Amino acid sequence: MATEATFTVPSDQFPLGTIFAQLPDVTVELERLIPSQDVVIPYFWVRGTEVDDIEEAFAAHPGVRDIQLVDSIENEYLLRVEWSLEYDDVLSVLTETGVPLIKVTGTNQQWTFDIRGDTRSDLAIFQSRCRELEIPVTLTKLHALTPVETETEAALTDKQQDTLVFAHERGYFESPREVTMEELGDELGISQQAIASRLRRGIKHTLEGTLPETVESNQEST
């Protein structure tokens, strides 16, 4: 099933992040791109500043071969970048694994990547490769592309549903378990207690949605 995920990385862990040292208040947004084994030359916007030479705001970085200004409108600049895919970062992993990038936005705090996989395993491979290269990605959201939301799904919060889906995908509900709560928490960037709370509440809401007669009977008996 096609799945979308949102990952974040620190602002200095992506080539264009060097701009924030000089212009900390700007926002950078990449145009949608499709990874390939060739050098990708996407466009990106820099918003929230007015400078005479925006290209000079980007310090030399091994992940970038060239940056050129294409157009500007007041305090917004459209630029074109030629990446060096020999440099190991999120972009090179996306290209290597063939996972499409939907959207990426950068601030002086972090970069936020929205990506999509044909299956959940595509995203798991992407995340695993990032860990191998010691790229500090943090998964913040994971959800399947479903056109219709069931009553049970509607009763769950986004965090509960994402955690249940992620735990199921990682084998938490298998016997024996293939992953611990602590490991799930590490991968999601939250505590073991938070994982336990989301799973407990998510399972409770799921049971209430799928076993309504039992729930009603229990309520009447109390």
Protein backbone atom coordinates (compact mmCIF):
# COMPACT_ATOMS: atom_id res chain seq x y z
CA MET A 1 0.00 0.00 0.00
CA ALA A 2 1.31 3.45 -0.92
CA THR A 3 2.48 5.30 2.16
CA GLU A 4 3.57 8.85 2.88
CA ALA A 5 6.02 9.80 5.59
CA THR A 6 7.46 12.99 7.03
CA PHE A 7 11.07 13.08 8.19
CA THR A 8 13.11 15.89 9.69
CA VAL A 9 16.86 16.49 9.82
CA PRO A 10 18.80 19.28 11.55
CA SER A 11 19.26 22.40 9.44
CA ASP A 12 23.00 21.87 9.00
CA GLN A 13 22.58 18.28 7.77
CA PHE A 14 21.49 19.26 4.25
CA PRO A 15 23.68 21.12 1.71
CA LEU A 16 21.49 24.23 1.38
CA GLY A 17 21.50 24.61 5.16
CA THR A 18 24.61 26.77 4.94
CA ILE A 19 22.38 29.75 4.06
CA PHE A 20 21.00 29.91 7.60
CA ALA A 21 24.37 30.98 9.00
CA GLN A 22 24.03 34.27 7.11
CA LEU A 23 20.23 34.54 6.76
CA PRO A 24 18.67 32.77 9.77
CA ASP A 25 15.13 34.03 9.15
CA VAL A 26 14.64 32.76 5.60
CA THR A 27 12.63 29.74 4.49
CA VAL A 28 13.88 27.46 1.73
CA GLU A 29 11.47 25.32 -0.27
CA LEU A 30 12.46 22.84 -2.96
CA GLU A 31 10.32 22.21 -6.00
CA ARG A 32 9.08 18.64 -6.33
CA LEU A 33 11.64 16.35 -7.93
CA ILE A 34 11.84 12.75 -9.06
CA PRO A 35 15.05 10.95 -8.05
CA SER A 36 17.18 9.39 -10.78
CA GLN A 37 20.68 8.06 -11.12
CA ASP A 38 21.64 11.18 -13.08
CA VAL A 39 22.50 14.46 -11.41
CA VAL A 40 19.25 16.11 -10.35
CA ILE A 41 18.96 19.84 -11.04
CA PRO A 42 15.86 21.04 -9.22
CA TYR A 43 14.64 24.53 -8.53
CA PHE A 44 14.17 25.96 -5.08
CA TRP A 45 12.81 29.13 -3.50
CA VAL A 46 14.36 31.30 -0.84
CA ARG A 47 11.77 33.44 0.91
CA GLY A 48 11.85 36.11 3.59
CA THR A 49 14.86 38.29 2.74
CA GLU A 50 16.14 40.97 0.40
CA VAL A 51 19.80 40.76 -0.59
CA ASP A 52 21.74 42.00 -3.58
CA ASP A 53 23.53 38.72 -4.25
CA ILE A 54 21.52 35.76 -2.95
CA GLU A 55 23.98 33.25 -4.45
CA GLU A 56 26.75 34.54 -2.18
CA ALA A 57 24.62 33.65 0.85
CA PHE A 58 25.32 29.97 0.20
CA ALA A 59 28.71 28.99 1.55
CA ALA A 60 30.73 26.36 -0.31
CA HIS A 61 29.43 22.90 0.50
CA PRO A 62 30.56 19.48 -0.77
CA GLY A 63 26.95 18.53 -1.53
CA VAL A 64 26.46 21.34 -4.07
CA ARG A 65 28.21 21.79 -7.40
CA ASP A 66 26.61 25.03 -8.53
CA ILE A 67 23.83 27.48 -7.64
CA GLN A 68 22.43 30.09 -10.02
CA LEU A 69 19.75 32.74 -9.59
CA VAL A 70 16.88 32.26 -12.05
CA ASP A 71 14.40 34.96 -11.03
CA SER A 72 13.36 37.15 -8.10
CA ILE A 73 10.07 38.70 -6.99
CA GLU A 74 10.39 41.18 -4.12
CA ASN A 75 11.73 39.08 -1.20
CA GLU A 76 11.46 35.73 -2.99
CA TYR A 77 14.24 34.17 -5.07
CA LEU A 78 14.02 31.25 -7.47
CA LEU A 79 17.33 29.43 -7.84
CA ARG A 80 18.61 26.36 -9.59
CA VAL A 81 21.03 23.99 -7.90
CA GLU A 82 23.17 21.23 -9.30
CA TRP A 83 23.75 18.60 -6.63
CA SER A 84 26.77 16.42 -6.09
CA LEU A 85 25.21 13.02 -5.48
CA GLU A 86 28.55 11.61 -4.34
CA TYR A 87 27.92 13.46 -1.09
CA ASP A 88 25.95 11.32 1.38
CA ASP A 89 22.82 13.16 2.52
CA VAL A 90 19.05 12.70 2.41
CA LEU A 91 18.91 13.61 -1.27
CA SER A 92 21.49 11.01 -2.26
CA VAL A 93 19.60 8.35 -0.27
CA LEU A 94 16.33 9.29 -1.98
CA THR A 95 18.05 8.95 -5.33
CA GLU A 96 19.66 5.65 -4.38
CA THR A 97 16.44 4.09 -3.08
CA GLY A 98 14.16 5.62 -5.73
CA VAL A 99 11.76 7.09 -3.16
CA PRO A 100 10.00 10.20 -4.59
CA LEU A 101 10.22 13.48 -2.75
CA ILE A 102 6.89 15.31 -2.48
CA LYS A 103 8.00 18.41 -0.63
CA VAL A 104 10.90 19.74 1.41
CA THR A 105 11.03 22.91 3.47
CA GLY A 106 13.99 24.23 5.42
CA THR A 107 14.33 26.70 8.28
CA ASN A 108 17.19 27.48 10.63
CA GLN A 109 15.75 24.81 12.95
CA GLN A 110 15.33 21.83 10.63
CA TRP A 111 14.55 20.46 7.19
CA THR A 112 11.19 18.72 6.74
CA PHE A 113 10.91 16.09 4.01
CA ASP A 114 7.60 14.66 2.79
CA ILE A 115 8.20 11.47 0.82
CA ARG A 116 6.10 8.65 -0.63
CA GLY A 117 6.75 4.94 -1.05
CA ASP A 118 4.81 2.41 -3.10
CA THR A 119 4.98 0.18 -0.02
CA ARG A 120 5.93 0.69 3.62
CA SER A 121 9.07 -1.35 3.02
CA ASP A 122 10.30 1.34 0.61
CA LEU A 123 10.25 3.85 3.45
CA ALA A 124 11.83 1.35 5.85
CA ILE A 125 14.69 0.83 3.37
CA PHE A 126 15.14 4.60 3.08
CA GLN A 127 15.27 5.02 6.85
CA SER A 128 17.63 2.07 7.27
CA ARG A 129 20.01 3.48 4.66
CA CYS A 130 20.03 6.85 6.42
CA ARG A 131 20.98 5.11 9.66
CA GLU A 132 23.81 3.26 7.90
CA LEU A 133 25.19 6.60 6.67
CA GLU A 134 24.63 8.18 10.11
CA ILE A 135 22.23 10.76 8.70
CA PRO A 136 20.15 11.91 11.71
CA VAL A 137 16.64 11.60 10.27
CA THR A 138 13.63 11.61 12.60
CA LEU A 139 10.31 10.11 11.51
CA THR A 140 7.50 12.45 12.57
CA LYS A 141 4.55 11.13 10.58
CA LEU A 142 3.59 7.96 8.71
CA HIS A 143 0.25 7.19 7.08
CA ALA A 144 -1.19 5.07 4.29
CA LEU A 145 -2.91 6.69 1.33
CA THR A 146 -6.48 5.56 1.96
CA PRO A 147 -9.43 7.31 0.27
CA VAL A 148 -11.98 6.37 2.92
CA GLU A 149 -11.54 6.73 6.67
CA THR A 150 -13.30 4.10 8.76
CA GLU A 151 -15.06 4.90 12.03
CA THR A 152 -12.23 3.21 13.92
CA GLU A 153 -9.59 5.33 12.15
CA ALA A 154 -11.61 8.46 12.85
CA ALA A 155 -11.57 7.65 16.58
CA LEU A 156 -7.77 7.49 16.63
CA THR A 157 -5.54 10.52 16.84
CA ASP A 158 -2.95 10.87 14.07
CA LYS A 159 -0.16 9.99 16.51
CA GLN A 160 -1.99 6.88 17.75
CA GLN A 161 -2.72 5.65 14.24
CA ASP A 162 0.80 6.36 12.99
CA THR A 163 2.33 4.56 15.98
CA LEU A 164 0.06 1.51 15.59
CA VAL A 165 0.86 1.28 11.88
CA PHE A 166 4.58 1.71 12.49
CA ALA A 167 4.62 -0.87 15.32
CA HIS A 168 2.77 -3.37 13.12
CA GLU A 169 5.13 -2.77 10.22
CA ARG A 170 8.20 -3.22 12.42
CA GLY A 171 6.90 -6.51 13.86
CA TYR A 172 5.96 -5.42 17.37
CA PHE A 173 2.79 -7.54 17.34
CA GLU A 174 4.55 -10.66 16.05
CA SER A 175 5.29 -13.62 18.34
CA PRO A 176 8.06 -13.41 19.31
CA ARG A 177 8.26 -9.64 18.94
CA GLU A 178 10.74 -8.39 16.36
CA VAL A 179 11.18 -4.99 17.97
CA THR A 180 10.87 -3.53 21.47
CA MET A 181 9.03 -0.42 22.63
CA GLU A 182 12.38 1.18 23.34
CA GLU A 183 13.53 0.55 19.77
CA LEU A 184 10.26 1.94 18.38
CA GLY A 185 10.72 5.03 20.52
CA ASP A 186 14.28 5.50 19.30
CA GLU A 187 13.17 5.31 15.67
CA LEU A 188 10.29 7.74 16.20
CA GLY A 189 12.31 10.06 18.39
CA ILE A 190 10.03 9.75 21.42
CA SER A 191 10.22 8.04 24.81
CA GLN A 192 9.28 4.45 25.56
CA GLN A 193 6.53 5.77 27.83
CA ALA A 194 5.04 7.78 24.95
CA ILE A 195 5.09 4.70 22.71
CA ALA A 196 3.35 2.64 25.41
CA SER A 197 0.68 5.33 25.91
CA ARG A 198 -0.05 5.68 22.18
CA LEU A 199 -0.26 1.91 21.68
CA ARG A 200 -2.48 1.41 24.73
CA ARG A 201 -4.89 4.19 23.78
CA GLY A 202 -4.82 3.26 20.11
CA ILE A 203 -5.63 -0.39 20.82
CA LYS A 204 -8.39 0.68 23.21
CA HIS A 205 -10.04 2.90 20.57
CA THR A 206 -9.63 0.17 17.95
CA LEU A 207 -11.35 -2.40 20.16
CA GLU A 208 -14.14 0.03 20.99
CA GLY A 209 -14.68 0.61 17.28
CA THR A 210 -14.60 -3.05 16.28
CA LEU A 211 -16.29 -4.60 19.33
CA PRO A 212 -19.10 -2.13 20.07
CA GLU A 213 -21.47 -4.70 21.55
CA THR A 214 -18.82 -5.87 24.02
CA VAL A 215 -18.02 -2.31 25.02
CA GLU A 216 -21.69 -1.45 25.51
CA SER A 217 -22.19 -4.63 27.54
CA ASN A 218 -19.24 -3.76 29.77
CA GLN A 219 -20.54 -0.23 30.27
CA GLU A 220 -23.99 -1.54 31.26
CA SER A 221 -22.48 -4.01 33.70
CA THR A 222 -20.55 -1.24 35.44
